[in-house]
PDB file of N, CA and C in Angstrom:
ATOM      1  N   MET A   1       0.692  -1.065  -0.061  1.00  0.00           N
ATOM      2  CA  MET A   1      -0.067   0.084   0.101  1.00  0.00           C
ATOM      3  C   MET A   1       1.005   1.158  -0.228  1.00  0.00           C
ATOM      4  N   ALA A   2       0.661   2.064  -0.963  1.00  0.00           N
ATOM      5  CA  ALA A   2       1.515   3.234  -1.257  1.00  0.00           C
ATOM      6  C   ALA A   2       1.088   4.280   0.052  1.00  0.00           C
ATOM      7  N   LEU A   3       2.220   5.208   0.413  1.00  0.00           N
ATOM      8  CA  LEU A   3       2.016   6.112   1.280  1.00  0.00           C
ATOM      9  C   LEU A   3       1.197   7.403   0.493  1.00  0.00           C
ATOM     10  N   GLY A   4       0.193   7.829   1.575  1.00  0.00           N
ATOM     11  CA  GLY A   4      -0.315   9.048   1.163  1.00  0.00           C
ATOM     12  C   GLY A   4       0.121  10.209   1.606  1.00  0.00           C
ATOM     13  N   ALA A   5      -0.513  11.277   0.772  1.00  0.00           N
ATOM     14  CA  ALA A   5      -0.005  12.549   1.220  1.00  0.00           C
ATOM     15  C   ALA A   5      -0.509  12.976   2.702  1.00  0.00           C
ATOM     16  N   ASP A   6      -1.876  12.577   3.053  1.00  0.00           N
ATOM     17  CA  ASP A   6      -2.295  12.854   4.580  1.00  0.00           C
ATOM     18  C   ASP A   6      -1.562  12.248   5.329  1.00  0.00           C
ATOM     19  N   GLU A   7      -1.118  10.824   5.151  1.00  0.00           N
ATOM     20  CA  GLU A   7      -0.238  10.201   5.883  1.00  0.00           C
ATOM     21  C   GLU A   7       1.220  10.709   6.076  1.00  0.00           C
ATOM     22  N   ILE A   8       1.583  11.293   4.994  1.00  0.00           N
ATOM     23  CA  ILE A   8       2.989  11.742   5.308  1.00  0.00           C
ATOM     24  C   ILE A   8       2.873  13.153   6.156  1.00  0.00           C
ATOM     25  N   ALA A   9       1.696  13.883   5.777  1.00  0.00           N
ATOM     26  CA  ALA A   9       1.633  15.023   6.794  1.00  0.00           C
ATOM     27  C   ALA A   9       1.422  14.672   8.157  1.00  0.00           C
ATOM     28  N   ASP A  10       0.702  13.544   8.477  1.00  0.00           N
ATOM     29  CA  ASP A  10       0.571  13.246   9.903  1.00  0.00           C
ATOM     30  C   ASP A  10       1.951  12.570  10.527  1.00  0.00           C
ATOM     31  N   ILE A  11       2.749  11.952   9.448  1.00  0.00           N
ATOM     32  CA  ILE A  11       4.026  11.254  10.055  1.00  0.00           C
ATOM     33  C   ILE A  11       4.864  12.755  10.524  1.00  0.00           C
ATOM     34  N   GLU A  12       4.809  13.643   9.521  1.00  0.00           N
ATOM     35  CA  GLU A  12       5.721  14.893   9.701  1.00  0.00           C
ATOM     36  C   GLU A  12       5.228  15.530  11.174  1.00  0.00           C
ATOM     37  N   GLN A  13       3.757  15.582  11.319  1.00  0.00           N
ATOM     38  CA  GLN A  13       3.346  16.387  12.611  1.00  0.00           C
ATOM     39  C   GLN A  13       3.940  15.339  14.131  1.00  0.00           C
ATOM     40  N   GLU A  14       3.745  14.034  14.025  1.00  0.00           N
ATOM     41  CA  GLU A  14       3.785  13.344  15.032  1.00  0.00           C
ATOM     42  C   GLU A  14       5.770  13.359  15.197  1.00  0.00           C
ATOM     43  N   LEU A  15       6.139  13.206  14.068  1.00  0.00           N
ATOM     44  CA  LEU A  15       7.753  13.359  14.268  1.00  0.00           C
ATOM     45  C   LEU A  15       8.254  14.603  14.998  1.00  0.00           C
ATOM     46  N   GLY A  16       7.714  15.618  14.658  1.00  0.00           N
ATOM     47  CA  GLY A  16       8.012  16.794  15.531  1.00  0.00           C
ATOM     48  C   GLY A  16       8.131  16.828  16.996  1.00  0.00           C
ATOM     49  N   SER A  17       7.405  15.766  17.569  1.00  0.00           N
ATOM     50  CA  SER A  17       7.207  15.546  19.292  1.00  0.00           C
ATOM     51  C   SER A  17       8.422  14.623  19.541  1.00  0.00           C
ATOM     52  N   PHE A  18       9.418  14.351  18.867  1.00  0.00           N
ATOM     53  CA  PHE A  18      10.364  13.514  19.400  1.00  0.00           C
ATOM     54  C   PHE A  18      11.704  14.157  19.024  1.00  0.00           C
ATOM     55  N   ASP A  19      12.693  13.954  19.816  1.00  0.00           N
ATOM     56  CA  ASP A  19      14.320  13.961  20.003  1.00  0.00           C
ATOM     57  C   ASP A  19      14.894  12.578  19.586  1.00  0.00           C
ATOM     58  N   ASP A  20      14.241  11.574  20.151  1.00  0.00           N
ATOM     59  CA  ASP A  20      15.059  10.661  19.960  1.00  0.00           C
ATOM     60  C   ASP A  20      14.505   9.675  18.890  1.00  0.00           C
ATOM     61  N   VAL A  21      15.583   9.116  18.415  1.00  0.00           N
ATOM     62  CA  VAL A  21      15.284   8.315  16.888  1.00  0.00           C
ATOM     63  C   VAL A  21      14.713   7.127  17.283  1.00  0.00           C
ATOM     64  N   SER A  22      15.016   6.472  18.418  1.00  0.00           N
ATOM     65  CA  SER A  22      14.588   5.042  18.757  1.00  0.00           C
ATOM     66  C   SER A  22      13.234   5.154  19.212  1.00  0.00           C
ATOM     67  N   GLN A  23      12.782   6.168  20.007  1.00  0.00           N
ATOM     68  CA  GLN A  23      11.504   6.359  20.395  1.00  0.00           C
ATOM     69  C   GLN A  23      10.510   6.787  19.033  1.00  0.00           C
ATOM     70  N   ALA A  24      11.020   7.746  18.244  1.00  0.00           N
ATOM     71  CA  ALA A  24      10.158   8.094  17.071  1.00  0.00           C
ATOM     72  C   ALA A  24      10.058   7.080  16.206  1.00  0.00           C
ATOM     73  N   HIS A  25      11.106   5.988  16.196  1.00  0.00           N
ATOM     74  CA  HIS A  25      10.956   4.926  15.141  1.00  0.00           C
ATOM     75  C   HIS A  25       9.912   3.808  15.574  1.00  0.00           C
ATOM     76  N   ALA A  26      10.068   3.545  17.044  1.00  0.00           N
ATOM     77  CA  ALA A  26       9.298   2.608  17.690  1.00  0.00           C
ATOM     78  C   ALA A  26       7.469   2.896  17.611  1.00  0.00           C
ATOM     79  N   ALA A  27       7.396   4.633  17.940  1.00  0.00           N
ATOM     80  CA  ALA A  27       5.945   5.100  17.773  1.00  0.00           C
ATOM     81  C   ALA A  27       5.310   5.180  16.106  1.00  0.00           C
ATOM     82  N   LEU A  28       6.451   5.544  15.645  1.00  0.00           N
ATOM     83  CA  LEU A  28       5.992   5.457  13.998  1.00  0.00           C
ATOM     84  C   LEU A  28       5.292   4.211  13.589  1.00  0.00           C
ATOM     85  N   ARG A  29       6.034   3.205  13.901  1.00  0.00           N
ATOM     86  CA  ARG A  29       6.010   1.611  13.434  1.00  0.00           C
ATOM     87  C   ARG A  29       4.847   1.181  14.037  1.00  0.00           C
ATOM     88  N   LYS A  30       4.530   1.770  15.479  1.00  0.00           N
ATOM     89  CA  LYS A  30       3.288   1.162  15.811  1.00  0.00           C
ATOM     90  C   LYS A  30       2.111   1.746  15.280  1.00  0.00           C
ATOM     91  N   ARG A  31       2.201   2.992  14.973  1.00  0.00           N
ATOM     92  CA  ARG A  31       1.248   3.519  14.232  1.00  0.00           C
ATOM     93  C   ARG A  31       0.759   3.361  12.904  1.00  0.00           C
ATOM     94  N   TYR A  32       1.845   3.088  12.097  1.00  0.00           N
ATOM     95  CA  TYR A  32       1.831   2.745  10.727  1.00  0.00           C
ATOM     96  C   TYR A  32       2.389   1.413  10.283  1.00  0.00           C
ATOM     97  N   PRO A  33       1.837   0.327  10.901  1.00  0.00           N
ATOM     98  CA  PRO A  33       2.303  -0.867  10.768  1.00  0.00           C
ATOM     99  C   PRO A  33       2.298  -1.468   9.278  1.00  0.00           C
ATOM    100  N   HIS A  34       1.606  -0.667   8.424  1.00  0.00           N
ATOM    101  CA  HIS A  34       1.377  -1.193   6.858  1.00  0.00           C
ATOM    102  C   HIS A  34       2.724  -0.758   6.381  1.00  0.00           C
ATOM    103  N   LEU A  35       3.491   0.375   6.905  1.00  0.00           N
ATOM    104  CA  LEU A  35       4.702   0.793   6.165  1.00  0.00           C
ATOM    105  C   LEU A  35       5.842   0.197   6.424  1.00  0.00           C
ATOM    106  N   ALA A  36       6.810   0.003   5.844  1.00  0.00           N
ATOM    107  CA  ALA A  36       8.512  -0.467   6.290  1.00  0.00           C
ATOM    108  C   ALA A  36       9.006   0.778   6.685  1.00  0.00           C
ATOM    109  N   TRP A  37       9.545   0.254   7.598  1.00  0.00           N
ATOM    110  CA  TRP A  37      10.275   1.389   8.657  1.00  0.00           C
ATOM    111  C   TRP A  37      11.804   1.151   8.964  1.00  0.00           C
ATOM    112  N   ILE A  38      12.504   1.934   8.495  1.00  0.00           N
ATOM    113  CA  ILE A  38      14.068   1.555   8.599  1.00  0.00           C
ATOM    114  C   ILE A  38      14.653   2.801   9.124  1.00  0.00           C
ATOM    115  N   ARG A  39      15.585   2.440  10.269  1.00  0.00           N
ATOM    116  CA  ARG A  39      16.647   3.710  10.792  1.00  0.00           C
ATOM    117  C   ARG A  39      17.989   3.461  10.299  1.00  0.00           C
ATOM    118  N   CYS A  40      18.352   4.688  10.014  1.00  0.00           N
ATOM    119  CA  CYS A  40      19.653   4.649   9.086  1.00  0.00           C
ATOM    120  C   CYS A  40      20.661   5.736   9.882  1.00  0.00           C
ATOM    121  N   ASP A  41      21.763   5.836   9.872  1.00  0.00           N
ATOM    122  CA  ASP A  41      22.854   6.746  10.227  1.00  0.00           C
ATOM    123  C   ASP A  41      23.081   7.736   9.150  1.00  0.00           C
ATOM    124  N   PRO A  42      23.260   8.894   9.368  1.00  0.00           N
ATOM    125  CA  PRO A  42      23.195   9.832   8.312  1.00  0.00           C
ATOM    126  C   PRO A  42      24.448   9.570   7.219  1.00  0.00           C
ATOM    127  N   SER A  43      25.330   8.959   7.813  1.00  0.00           N
ATOM    128  CA  SER A  43      26.229   8.669   6.460  1.00  0.00           C
ATOM    129  C   SER A  43      25.862   7.441   5.825  1.00  0.00           C
ATOM    130  N   ASP A  44      24.855   6.894   6.010  1.00  0.00           N
ATOM    131  CA  ASP A  44      24.562   5.819   5.172  1.00  0.00           C
ATOM    132  C   ASP A  44      23.828   6.198   3.963  1.00  0.00           C
ATOM    133  N   LEU A  45      23.388   7.338   3.664  1.00  0.00           N
ATOM    134  CA  LEU A  45      22.346   7.780   2.624  1.00  0.00           C
ATOM    135  C   LEU A  45      23.219   9.042   2.040  1.00  0.00           C
ATOM    136  N   THR A  46      23.231   9.377   1.081  1.00  0.00           N
ATOM    137  CA  THR A  46      23.730  10.058   0.044  1.00  0.00           C
ATOM    138  C   THR A  46      22.417  11.048  -0.643  1.00  0.00           C
ATOM    139  N   GLU A  47      21.458  10.420  -0.749  1.00  0.00           N
ATOM    140  CA  GLU A  47      20.265  10.962  -1.311  1.00  0.00           C
ATOM    141  C   GLU A  47      19.871  12.190  -0.485  1.00  0.00           C
ATOM    142  N   ILE A  48      19.147  13.069  -1.345  1.00  0.00           N
ATOM    143  CA  ILE A  48      18.590  14.380  -0.540  1.00  0.00           C
ATOM    144  C   ILE A  48      17.356  13.833   0.126  1.00  0.00           C
ATOM    145  N   PRO A  49      16.922  14.102   1.145  1.00  0.00           N
ATOM    146  CA  PRO A  49      15.860  13.699   1.979  1.00  0.00           C
ATOM    147  C   PRO A  49      14.365  14.185   1.350  1.00  0.00           C
ATOM    148  N   PHE A  50      13.721  13.514   1.317  1.00  0.00           N
ATOM    149  CA  PHE A  50      12.249  13.759   0.894  1.00  0.00           C
ATOM    150  C   PHE A  50      11.606  15.089   1.792  1.00  0.00           C
ATOM    151  N   ARG A  51      11.748  14.892   3.167  1.00  0.00           N
ATOM    152  CA  ARG A  51      11.460  16.173   4.031  1.00  0.00           C
ATOM    153  C   ARG A  51      12.602  15.890   5.309  1.00  0.00           C
ATOM    154  N   SER A  52      12.577  17.210   5.721  1.00  0.00           N
ATOM    155  CA  SER A  52      13.311  17.499   7.040  1.00  0.00           C
ATOM    156  C   SER A  52      12.541  18.034   8.117  1.00  0.00           C
ATOM    157  N   ILE A  53      12.395  17.238   9.188  1.00  0.00           N
ATOM    158  CA  ILE A  53      11.617  17.599  10.231  1.00  0.00           C
ATOM    159  C   ILE A  53      12.121  17.849  11.410  1.00  0.00           C
ATOM    160  N   GLY A  54      12.753  19.123  12.194  1.00  0.00           N
ATOM    161  CA  GLY A  54      13.459  18.935  13.214  1.00  0.00           C
ATOM    162  C   GLY A  54      14.800  18.339  13.037  1.00  0.00           C
ATOM    163  N   PRO A  55      15.147  17.392  14.030  1.00  0.00           N
ATOM    164  CA  PRO A  55      16.581  16.772  13.509  1.00  0.00           C
ATOM    165  C   PRO A  55      16.422  15.605  12.629  1.00  0.00           C
ATOM    166  N   PHE A  56      15.589  15.369  12.115  1.00  0.00           N
ATOM    167  CA  PHE A  56      15.195  14.119  11.590  1.00  0.00           C
ATOM    168  C   PHE A  56      15.091  14.452   9.684  1.00  0.00           C
ATOM    169  N   ASP A  57      15.375  13.432   9.097  1.00  0.00           N
ATOM    170  CA  ASP A  57      15.172  13.528   7.617  1.00  0.00           C
ATOM    171  C   ASP A  57      14.352  12.270   7.248  1.00  0.00           C
ATOM    172  N   LEU A  58      13.821  12.399   6.550  1.00  0.00           N
ATOM    173  CA  LEU A  58      12.563  11.427   6.034  1.00  0.00           C
ATOM    174  C   LEU A  58      13.061  10.980   4.460  1.00  0.00           C
ATOM    175  N   HIS A  59      13.286   9.713   4.041  1.00  0.00           N
ATOM    176  CA  HIS A  59      13.559   9.541   2.923  1.00  0.00           C
ATOM    177  C   HIS A  59      12.274   8.362   2.539  1.00  0.00           C
ATOM    178  N   LEU A  60      11.924   8.246   1.389  1.00  0.00           N
ATOM    179  CA  LEU A  60      10.784   7.250   0.920  1.00  0.00           C
ATOM    180  C   LEU A  60      11.342   6.322   0.389  1.00  0.00           C
ATOM    181  N   LEU A  61      10.858   5.106   0.847  1.00  0.00           N
ATOM    182  CA  LEU A  61      11.279   3.747   0.262  1.00  0.00           C
ATOM    183  C   LEU A  61      10.482   3.010  -0.537  1.00  0.00           C
ATOM    184  N   ASP A  62      10.790   2.402  -1.492  1.00  0.00           N
ATOM    185  CA  ASP A  62      10.134   1.821  -2.665  1.00  0.00           C
ATOM    186  C   ASP A  62      10.563   0.439  -2.290  1.00  0.00           C
ATOM    187  N   VAL A  63       9.675  -0.493  -1.805  1.00  0.00           N
ATOM    188  CA  VAL A  63      10.173  -1.936  -1.764  1.00  0.00           C
ATOM    189  C   VAL A  63       9.070  -2.671  -2.678  1.00  0.00           C
ATOM    190  N   ALA A  64       8.490  -1.982  -3.727  1.00  0.00           N
ATOM    191  CA  ALA A  64       7.593  -2.819  -4.436  1.00  0.00           C
ATOM    192  C   ALA A  64       8.338  -4.001  -5.308  1.00  0.00           C
ATOM    193  N   ASP A  65       9.568  -3.528  -5.960  1.00  0.00           N
ATOM    194  CA  ASP A  65      10.174  -4.625  -6.775  1.00  0.00           C
ATOM    195  C   ASP A  65      11.015  -5.651  -5.942  1.00  0.00           C
ATOM    196  N   HIS A  66      11.970  -6.185  -6.665  1.00  0.00           N
ATOM    197  CA  HIS A  66      12.855  -7.249  -5.842  1.00  0.00           C
ATOM    198  C   HIS A  66      13.942  -6.461  -5.021  1.00  0.00           C
ATOM    199  N   CYS A  67      14.304  -5.260  -5.206  1.00  0.00           N
ATOM    200  CA  CYS A  67      15.345  -4.637  -4.281  1.00  0.00           C
ATOM    201  C   CYS A  67      14.414  -3.262  -3.675  1.00  0.00           C
ATOM    202  N   ALA A  68      14.988  -2.926  -2.293  1.00  0.00           N
ATOM    203  CA  ALA A  68      14.527  -1.774  -1.966  1.00  0.00           C
ATOM    204  C   ALA A  68      15.356  -0.453  -2.478  1.00  0.00           C
ATOM    205  N   ARG A  69      14.809   0.548  -2.769  1.00  0.00           N
ATOM    206  CA  ARG A  69      15.359   1.856  -2.997  1.00  0.00           C
ATOM    207  C   ARG A  69      14.857   3.096  -2.495  1.00  0.00           C
ATOM    208  N   ILE A  70      15.540   4.097  -2.593  1.00  0.00           N
ATOM    209  CA  ILE A  70      14.870   5.536  -2.205  1.00  0.00           C
ATOM    210  C   ILE A  70      14.563   5.887  -3.207  1.00  0.00           C
ATOM    211  N   THR A  71      13.187   7.000  -3.266  1.00  0.00           N
ATOM    212  CA  THR A  71      12.271   7.038  -4.340  1.00  0.00           C
ATOM    213  C   THR A  71      11.769   8.558  -3.889  1.00  0.00           C
ATOM    214  N   ASP A  72      11.688   9.476  -4.712  1.00  0.00           N
ATOM    215  CA  ASP A  72      10.786  10.586  -4.405  1.00  0.00           C
ATOM    216  C   ASP A  72       9.442  10.704  -4.953  1.00  0.00           C
ATOM    217  N   ASP A  73       8.991   9.480  -5.274  1.00  0.00           N
ATOM    218  CA  ASP A  73       7.617   9.381  -5.753  1.00  0.00           C
ATOM    219  C   ASP A  73       6.955   9.129  -4.603  1.00  0.00           C
ATOM    220  N   LEU A  74       6.117   9.668  -4.033  1.00  0.00           N
ATOM    221  CA  LEU A  74       5.025   9.371  -2.837  1.00  0.00           C
ATOM    222  C   LEU A  74       4.193   8.012  -3.531  1.00  0.00           C
ATOM    223  N   ALA A  75       3.743   8.257  -4.674  1.00  0.00           N
ATOM    224  CA  ALA A  75       2.768   7.234  -5.187  1.00  0.00           C
ATOM    225  C   ALA A  75       3.522   5.720  -5.067  1.00  0.00           C
ATOM    226  N   ARG A  76       4.750   5.579  -5.097  1.00  0.00           N
ATOM    227  CA  ARG A  76       5.515   4.382  -5.257  1.00  0.00           C
ATOM    228  C   ARG A  76       6.090   4.033  -3.717  1.00  0.00           C
ATOM    229  N   ALA A  77       6.092   5.045  -3.027  1.00  0.00           N
ATOM    230  CA  ALA A  77       6.618   4.734  -1.595  1.00  0.00           C
ATOM    231  C   ALA A  77       5.841   3.899  -0.700  1.00  0.00           C
ATOM    232  N   THR A  78       6.288   2.775  -0.150  1.00  0.00           N
ATOM    233  CA  THR A  78       5.820   1.869   0.631  1.00  0.00           C
ATOM    234  C   THR A  78       6.512   1.758   2.158  1.00  0.00           C
ATOM    235  N   GLY A  79       7.277   2.705   2.191  1.00  0.00           N
ATOM    236  CA  GLY A  79       8.020   2.658   3.388  1.00  0.00           C
ATOM    237  C   GLY A  79       9.017   4.043   3.923  1.00  0.00           C
ATOM    238  N   ILE A  80       9.286   3.984   5.030  1.00  0.00           N
ATOM    239  CA  ILE A  80      10.167   5.228   5.281  1.00  0.00           C
ATOM    240  C   ILE A  80      11.450   4.961   5.901  1.00  0.00           C
ATOM    241  N   VAL A  81      12.475   5.734   5.813  1.00  0.00           N
ATOM    242  CA  VAL A  81      13.822   5.574   6.101  1.00  0.00           C
ATOM    243  C   VAL A  81      14.041   6.726   6.798  1.00  0.00           C
ATOM    244  N   LEU A  82      13.850   6.540   8.454  1.00  0.00           N
ATOM    245  CA  LEU A  82      14.266   7.524   9.164  1.00  0.00           C
ATOM    246  C   LEU A  82      15.750   7.866   9.667  1.00  0.00           C
ATOM    247  N   VAL A  83      16.216   8.811   9.585  1.00  0.00           N
ATOM    248  CA  VAL A  83      17.655   9.562   9.605  1.00  0.00           C
ATOM    249  C   VAL A  83      17.646  10.503  10.810  1.00  0.00           C
ATOM    250  N   LYS A  84      18.245  10.147  11.871  1.00  0.00           N
ATOM    251  CA  LYS A  84      18.343  11.512  12.574  1.00  0.00           C
ATOM    252  C   LYS A  84      19.942  12.350  12.317  1.00  0.00           C
ATOM    253  N   ARG A  85      19.800  13.639  12.026  1.00  0.00           N
ATOM    254  CA  ARG A  85      21.012  14.155  11.436  1.00  0.00           C
ATOM    255  C   ARG A  85      21.778  14.185  12.815  1.00  0.00           C
ATOM    256  N   ALA A  86      23.093  14.370  12.461  1.00  0.00           N
ATOM    257  CA  ALA A  86      24.066  14.764  13.717  1.00  0.00           C
ATOM    258  C   ALA A  86      23.940  16.230  14.147  1.00  0.00           C
ATOM    259  N   ALA A  87      24.139  16.213  15.427  1.00  0.00           N
ATOM    260  CA  ALA A  87      24.112  17.538  15.974  1.00  0.00           C
ATOM    261  C   ALA A  87      25.027  18.701  15.433  1.00  0.00           C
ATOM    262  N   GLU A  88      24.602  19.696  14.954  1.00  0.00           N
ATOM    263  CA  GLU A  88      25.605  20.812  14.261  1.00  0.00           C
ATOM    264  C   GLU A  88      26.283  21.429  15.349  1.00  0.00           C
ATOM    265  N   LEU A  89      27.666  21.639  15.120  1.00  0.00           N
ATOM    266  CA  LEU A  89      28.342  22.346  16.113  1.00  0.00           C
ATOM    267  C   LEU A  89      28.253  23.942  16.152  1.00  0.00           C
TER     268      LEU A  89
END
C-alpha cells in the first residue's frame, strides 16, 4: 500500500514531538504498521531527503520490486527511512 499525502503530513506532525530516534521509530512503526520502517545513520545515505523535520530526515522507500530503493515518488513509497542528523556544532 502506497504512502498517501495525508499520511506523510501526519507522520511529519508526529515526528515533530520527538528528539530520540529510537522512540520516534518505535512510535511510528506502531502507528503505521503497513509501512516498512528503517532507521539509518546519516552517513549511510547520500540522497537528498524527501523532508526534514526538526533533527530528522525522511527518505521514501520503494520496496515494490525485488530491491528496496530510495524514491521521491510518493505514489511508489511503501516505507520510510528515518535518519537523525548529527548535531551541528
